[in-house]
N, C-alpha and C. Protein backbone atom coordinates (compact mmCIF):
# COMPACT_ATOMS: atom_id res chain seq x y z
N UNK A 1 16.51 20.89 -252.75
CA UNK A 1 15.81 20.39 -251.60
C UNK A 1 15.80 21.45 -250.50
N UNK A 2 14.67 21.60 -249.84
CA UNK A 2 14.54 22.59 -248.77
C UNK A 2 15.11 22.07 -247.46
N UNK A 3 15.75 22.96 -246.74
CA UNK A 3 16.27 22.61 -245.42
C UNK A 3 15.17 22.75 -244.39
N UNK A 4 15.26 21.94 -243.36
CA UNK A 4 14.30 22.06 -242.25
C UNK A 4 14.61 23.33 -241.46
N UNK A 5 13.57 23.94 -240.96
CA UNK A 5 13.75 25.15 -240.16
C UNK A 5 13.99 24.77 -238.70
N UNK A 6 14.46 25.73 -237.92
CA UNK A 6 14.83 25.46 -236.53
C UNK A 6 13.65 24.96 -235.72
N UNK A 7 12.47 25.53 -235.93
CA UNK A 7 11.33 25.11 -235.12
C UNK A 7 10.94 23.67 -235.42
N UNK A 8 11.22 23.17 -236.61
CA UNK A 8 10.92 21.78 -236.94
C UNK A 8 11.90 20.84 -236.23
N UNK A 9 13.15 21.25 -236.13
CA UNK A 9 14.11 20.47 -235.34
C UNK A 9 13.71 20.46 -233.86
N UNK A 10 13.25 21.60 -233.36
CA UNK A 10 12.87 21.69 -231.96
C UNK A 10 11.71 20.77 -231.61
N UNK A 11 10.77 20.60 -232.53
CA UNK A 11 9.66 19.69 -232.28
C UNK A 11 10.18 18.28 -232.02
N UNK A 12 11.10 17.82 -232.84
CA UNK A 12 11.67 16.48 -232.64
C UNK A 12 12.47 16.37 -231.37
N UNK A 13 13.27 17.39 -231.10
CA UNK A 13 14.11 17.38 -229.90
C UNK A 13 13.25 17.35 -228.64
N UNK A 14 12.23 18.22 -228.59
CA UNK A 14 11.37 18.27 -227.41
C UNK A 14 10.50 17.02 -227.27
N UNK A 15 10.11 16.41 -228.38
CA UNK A 15 9.32 15.18 -228.31
C UNK A 15 10.16 14.05 -227.69
N UNK A 16 11.39 13.92 -228.14
CA UNK A 16 12.28 12.89 -227.58
C UNK A 16 12.56 13.18 -226.10
N UNK A 17 12.83 14.44 -225.78
CA UNK A 17 13.09 14.80 -224.38
C UNK A 17 11.88 14.50 -223.51
N UNK A 18 10.66 14.82 -224.00
CA UNK A 18 9.45 14.61 -223.22
C UNK A 18 9.26 13.13 -222.94
N UNK A 19 9.47 12.29 -223.93
CA UNK A 19 9.31 10.84 -223.74
C UNK A 19 10.33 10.31 -222.74
N UNK A 20 11.57 10.71 -222.87
CA UNK A 20 12.60 10.26 -221.92
C UNK A 20 12.30 10.75 -220.52
N UNK A 21 11.88 12.02 -220.40
CA UNK A 21 11.53 12.59 -219.10
C UNK A 21 10.35 11.85 -218.48
N UNK A 22 9.34 11.52 -219.29
CA UNK A 22 8.17 10.79 -218.80
C UNK A 22 8.57 9.40 -218.31
N UNK A 23 9.41 8.72 -219.06
CA UNK A 23 9.84 7.37 -218.65
C UNK A 23 10.61 7.43 -217.34
N UNK A 24 11.50 8.40 -217.23
CA UNK A 24 12.28 8.53 -215.99
C UNK A 24 11.37 8.84 -214.81
N UNK A 25 10.43 9.75 -214.99
CA UNK A 25 9.55 10.10 -213.88
C UNK A 25 8.63 8.95 -213.48
N UNK A 26 8.13 8.23 -214.45
CA UNK A 26 7.16 7.19 -214.15
C UNK A 26 7.82 5.93 -213.61
N UNK A 27 8.90 5.49 -214.23
CA UNK A 27 9.47 4.19 -213.86
C UNK A 27 10.62 4.27 -212.86
N UNK A 28 11.36 5.35 -212.84
CA UNK A 28 12.55 5.39 -211.99
C UNK A 28 12.42 6.32 -210.79
N UNK A 29 11.25 6.88 -210.60
CA UNK A 29 11.07 7.75 -209.43
C UNK A 29 9.82 7.31 -208.68
N UNK A 30 9.71 7.80 -207.50
CA UNK A 30 8.58 7.40 -206.66
C UNK A 30 7.68 8.60 -206.37
N UNK A 31 7.50 9.47 -207.38
CA UNK A 31 6.66 10.65 -207.22
C UNK A 31 5.19 10.28 -207.38
N UNK A 32 4.31 11.01 -206.70
CA UNK A 32 2.88 10.80 -206.91
C UNK A 32 2.46 11.23 -208.32
N UNK A 33 1.32 10.71 -208.77
CA UNK A 33 0.86 10.94 -210.13
C UNK A 33 0.65 12.42 -210.42
N UNK A 34 0.11 13.19 -209.48
CA UNK A 34 -0.16 14.60 -209.76
C UNK A 34 1.13 15.41 -209.93
N UNK A 35 2.20 15.03 -209.28
CA UNK A 35 3.47 15.73 -209.47
C UNK A 35 4.05 15.38 -210.85
N UNK A 36 3.93 14.12 -211.24
CA UNK A 36 4.37 13.73 -212.57
C UNK A 36 3.56 14.46 -213.63
N UNK A 37 2.25 14.55 -213.45
CA UNK A 37 1.39 15.25 -214.40
C UNK A 37 1.75 16.73 -214.50
N UNK A 38 1.99 17.36 -213.36
CA UNK A 38 2.35 18.79 -213.37
C UNK A 38 3.70 18.99 -214.05
N UNK A 39 4.66 18.12 -213.80
CA UNK A 39 5.98 18.25 -214.41
C UNK A 39 5.90 18.09 -215.93
N UNK A 40 5.18 17.09 -216.38
CA UNK A 40 5.05 16.86 -217.83
C UNK A 40 4.27 17.98 -218.52
N UNK A 41 3.25 18.49 -217.85
CA UNK A 41 2.48 19.60 -218.41
C UNK A 41 3.33 20.86 -218.50
N UNK A 42 4.11 21.12 -217.48
CA UNK A 42 4.98 22.30 -217.48
C UNK A 42 6.01 22.20 -218.60
N UNK A 43 6.64 21.05 -218.73
CA UNK A 43 7.63 20.86 -219.79
C UNK A 43 6.97 21.01 -221.17
N UNK A 44 5.77 20.49 -221.32
CA UNK A 44 5.05 20.61 -222.60
C UNK A 44 4.76 22.07 -222.93
N UNK A 45 4.26 22.82 -221.97
CA UNK A 45 3.92 24.23 -222.21
C UNK A 45 5.17 25.06 -222.53
N UNK A 46 6.25 24.84 -221.80
CA UNK A 46 7.49 25.56 -222.09
C UNK A 46 8.05 25.19 -223.46
N UNK A 47 7.95 23.93 -223.82
CA UNK A 47 8.41 23.49 -225.14
C UNK A 47 7.58 24.14 -226.24
N UNK A 48 6.26 24.17 -226.06
CA UNK A 48 5.39 24.81 -227.06
C UNK A 48 5.68 26.30 -227.18
N UNK A 49 5.97 26.95 -226.08
CA UNK A 49 6.31 28.37 -226.11
C UNK A 49 7.59 28.60 -226.91
N UNK A 50 8.61 27.79 -226.67
CA UNK A 50 9.87 27.95 -227.39
C UNK A 50 9.69 27.66 -228.88
N UNK A 51 8.90 26.64 -229.21
CA UNK A 51 8.64 26.33 -230.61
C UNK A 51 7.87 27.45 -231.28
N UNK A 52 6.88 28.02 -230.59
CA UNK A 52 6.12 29.14 -231.15
C UNK A 52 7.01 30.36 -231.37
N UNK A 53 7.90 30.63 -230.45
CA UNK A 53 8.82 31.76 -230.61
C UNK A 53 9.77 31.52 -231.78
N UNK A 54 10.25 30.29 -231.93
CA UNK A 54 11.13 29.98 -233.07
C UNK A 54 10.38 30.10 -234.38
N UNK A 55 9.14 29.63 -234.40
CA UNK A 55 8.32 29.75 -235.62
C UNK A 55 8.08 31.22 -235.97
N UNK A 56 7.74 32.03 -234.96
CA UNK A 56 7.49 33.45 -235.20
C UNK A 56 8.76 34.16 -235.68
N UNK A 57 9.89 33.76 -235.16
CA UNK A 57 11.15 34.37 -235.58
C UNK A 57 11.46 34.06 -237.04
N UNK A 58 11.20 32.81 -237.45
CA UNK A 58 11.50 32.45 -238.84
C UNK A 58 10.48 33.01 -239.82
N UNK A 59 9.32 33.41 -239.32
CA UNK A 59 8.29 33.98 -240.20
C UNK A 59 8.15 35.51 -240.02
N UNK A 60 9.10 36.12 -239.37
CA UNK A 60 9.18 37.58 -239.20
C UNK A 60 7.96 38.19 -238.51
N UNK A 61 7.46 37.53 -237.46
CA UNK A 61 6.36 38.11 -236.68
C UNK A 61 6.90 38.85 -235.50
């Protein structure tokens, strides 16, 4: 059986973090919608960058 690679674990970890972060920002804070949108977009882009770097590292790019 093949083991999962690091970038595949990171996808799950960042997805769970993003959902928890979104719930906290939306329901437990009193921030305006555009600040919540900017925060979630920033977290998404940084997560995608880290996943892309992990993928490139495992594929020798």
